[in-house]
């Protein structure tokens, strides 16, 4: 699961990284800093795994008011 601040939500960490990269001469903009959470779900059913991870995100791992979550499976 990857989580990052939604568009329009302040991201002070992203702003700091962007400012530092610009000072180093990199022409960047719109940097958003997020999190990556790797986890294993004990099921062989991909639909069940996705449902469990979506529930984890909704109940604990993300704040849906300010973060977006991206779920990927190998």
C-alpha atoms as a PDB file:
ATOM      1  CA  UNK A   1       0.000   0.000   0.000  1.00  0.00           C
ATOM      2  CA  UNK A   2       1.252   3.424  -0.903  1.00  0.00           C
ATOM      3  CA  UNK A   3      -0.237   6.436   0.799  1.00  0.00           C
ATOM      4  CA  UNK A   4       0.329  10.090   0.009  1.00  0.00           C
ATOM      5  CA  UNK A   5      -1.396  13.367   0.813  1.00  0.00           C
ATOM      6  CA  UNK A   6      -4.323  14.161  -1.457  1.00  0.00           C
ATOM      7  CA  UNK A   7      -4.085  17.076  -3.871  1.00  0.00           C
ATOM      8  CA  UNK A   8      -4.800  20.334  -2.071  1.00  0.00           C
ATOM      9  CA  UNK A   9      -3.646  18.999   1.307  1.00  0.00           C
ATOM     10  CA  UNK A  10      -0.514  20.646   2.720  1.00  0.00           C
ATOM     11  CA  UNK A  11       2.616  18.499   2.496  1.00  0.00           C
ATOM     12  CA  UNK A  12       5.397  20.255   4.464  1.00  0.00           C
ATOM     13  CA  UNK A  13       7.776  17.342   3.979  1.00  0.00           C
ATOM     14  CA  UNK A  14       7.234  17.414   0.207  1.00  0.00           C
ATOM     15  CA  UNK A  15       7.750  21.186   0.168  1.00  0.00           C
ATOM     16  CA  UNK A  16      11.032  20.829   2.089  1.00  0.00           C
ATOM     17  CA  UNK A  17      12.302  18.154  -0.299  1.00  0.00           C
ATOM     18  CA  UNK A  18      11.288  20.265  -3.299  1.00  0.00           C
ATOM     19  CA  UNK A  19      13.060  23.345  -1.916  1.00  0.00           C
ATOM     20  CA  UNK A  20      16.235  21.392  -1.230  1.00  0.00           C
ATOM     21  CA  UNK A  21      16.267  19.795  -4.687  1.00  0.00           C
ATOM     22  CA  UNK A  22      15.751  23.206  -6.317  1.00  0.00           C
ATOM     23  CA  UNK A  23      18.699  24.604  -4.312  1.00  0.00           C
ATOM     24  CA  UNK A  24      20.788  21.761  -5.712  1.00  0.00           C
ATOM     25  CA  UNK A  25      19.790  22.825  -9.221  1.00  0.00           C
ATOM     26  CA  UNK A  26      17.146  20.230 -10.019  1.00  0.00           C
ATOM     27  CA  UNK A  27      14.153  21.649 -11.938  1.00  0.00           C
ATOM     28  CA  UNK A  28      11.402  19.881  -9.969  1.00  0.00           C
ATOM     29  CA  UNK A  29       7.896  20.784  -8.812  1.00  0.00           C
ATOM     30  CA  UNK A  30       4.856  19.176  -7.245  1.00  0.00           C
ATOM     31  CA  UNK A  31       6.734  16.796  -4.950  1.00  0.00           C
ATOM     32  CA  UNK A  32       4.542  14.799  -2.572  1.00  0.00           C
ATOM     33  CA  UNK A  33       6.091  12.617   0.130  1.00  0.00           C
ATOM     34  CA  UNK A  34       4.205   9.504   1.156  1.00  0.00           C
ATOM     35  CA  UNK A  35       4.584   6.111   2.797  1.00  0.00           C
ATOM     36  CA  UNK A  36       5.026   2.582   1.572  1.00  0.00           C
ATOM     37  CA  UNK A  37       3.654  -0.297   3.629  1.00  0.00           C
ATOM     38  CA  UNK A  38       4.511  -3.850   2.588  1.00  0.00           C
ATOM     39  CA  UNK A  39       2.363  -6.574   4.082  1.00  0.00           C
ATOM     40  CA  UNK A  40       1.382 -10.162   3.491  1.00  0.00           C
ATOM     41  CA  UNK A  41      -2.214 -11.326   3.739  1.00  0.00           C
ATOM     42  CA  UNK A  42      -2.882 -14.960   4.587  1.00  0.00           C
ATOM     43  CA  UNK A  43      -5.246 -15.887   1.768  1.00  0.00           C
ATOM     44  CA  UNK A  44      -4.882 -17.377  -1.704  1.00  0.00           C
ATOM     45  CA  UNK A  45      -7.907 -15.483  -3.040  1.00  0.00           C
ATOM     46  CA  UNK A  46      -6.818 -12.192  -4.699  1.00  0.00           C
ATOM     47  CA  UNK A  47     -10.272 -10.632  -4.263  1.00  0.00           C
ATOM     48  CA  UNK A  48     -10.277 -11.455  -0.549  1.00  0.00           C
ATOM     49  CA  UNK A  49      -6.727 -10.106  -0.181  1.00  0.00           C
ATOM     50  CA  UNK A  50      -7.710  -6.813  -1.841  1.00  0.00           C
ATOM     51  CA  UNK A  51     -10.827  -6.534   0.338  1.00  0.00           C
ATOM     52  CA  UNK A  52      -8.771  -7.095   3.491  1.00  0.00           C
ATOM     53  CA  UNK A  53      -6.151  -4.505   2.527  1.00  0.00           C
ATOM     54  CA  UNK A  54      -8.830  -1.962   1.597  1.00  0.00           C
ATOM     55  CA  UNK A  55     -10.424  -2.504   5.012  1.00  0.00           C
ATOM     56  CA  UNK A  56      -7.024  -2.125   6.730  1.00  0.00           C
ATOM     57  CA  UNK A  57      -6.518   1.170   4.919  1.00  0.00           C
ATOM     58  CA  UNK A  58      -9.963   2.448   5.825  1.00  0.00           C
ATOM     59  CA  UNK A  59      -9.761   1.426   9.484  1.00  0.00           C
ATOM     60  CA  UNK A  60      -6.126   2.111  10.386  1.00  0.00           C
ATOM     61  CA  UNK A  61      -3.467   2.648   7.740  1.00  0.00           C
ATOM     62  CA  UNK A  62      -4.728   5.835   6.079  1.00  0.00           C
ATOM     63  CA  UNK A  63      -6.829   8.858   6.849  1.00  0.00           C
ATOM     64  CA  UNK A  64      -9.188   8.927   3.844  1.00  0.00           C
ATOM     65  CA  UNK A  65      -9.946  12.618   4.425  1.00  0.00           C
ATOM     66  CA  UNK A  66      -6.385  13.691   3.637  1.00  0.00           C
ATOM     67  CA  UNK A  67      -4.616  10.682   2.079  1.00  0.00           C
ATOM     68  CA  UNK A  68      -5.029   8.582  -1.009  1.00  0.00           C
ATOM     69  CA  UNK A  69      -4.026   4.921  -0.977  1.00  0.00           C
ATOM     70  CA  UNK A  70      -2.742   2.867  -3.865  1.00  0.00           C
ATOM     71  CA  UNK A  71      -2.865  -0.907  -3.465  1.00  0.00           C
ATOM     72  CA  UNK A  72      -0.625  -3.112  -5.599  1.00  0.00           C
ATOM     73  CA  UNK A  73      -0.236  -6.863  -5.755  1.00  0.00           C
ATOM     74  CA  UNK A  74       2.820  -8.626  -7.186  1.00  0.00           C
END
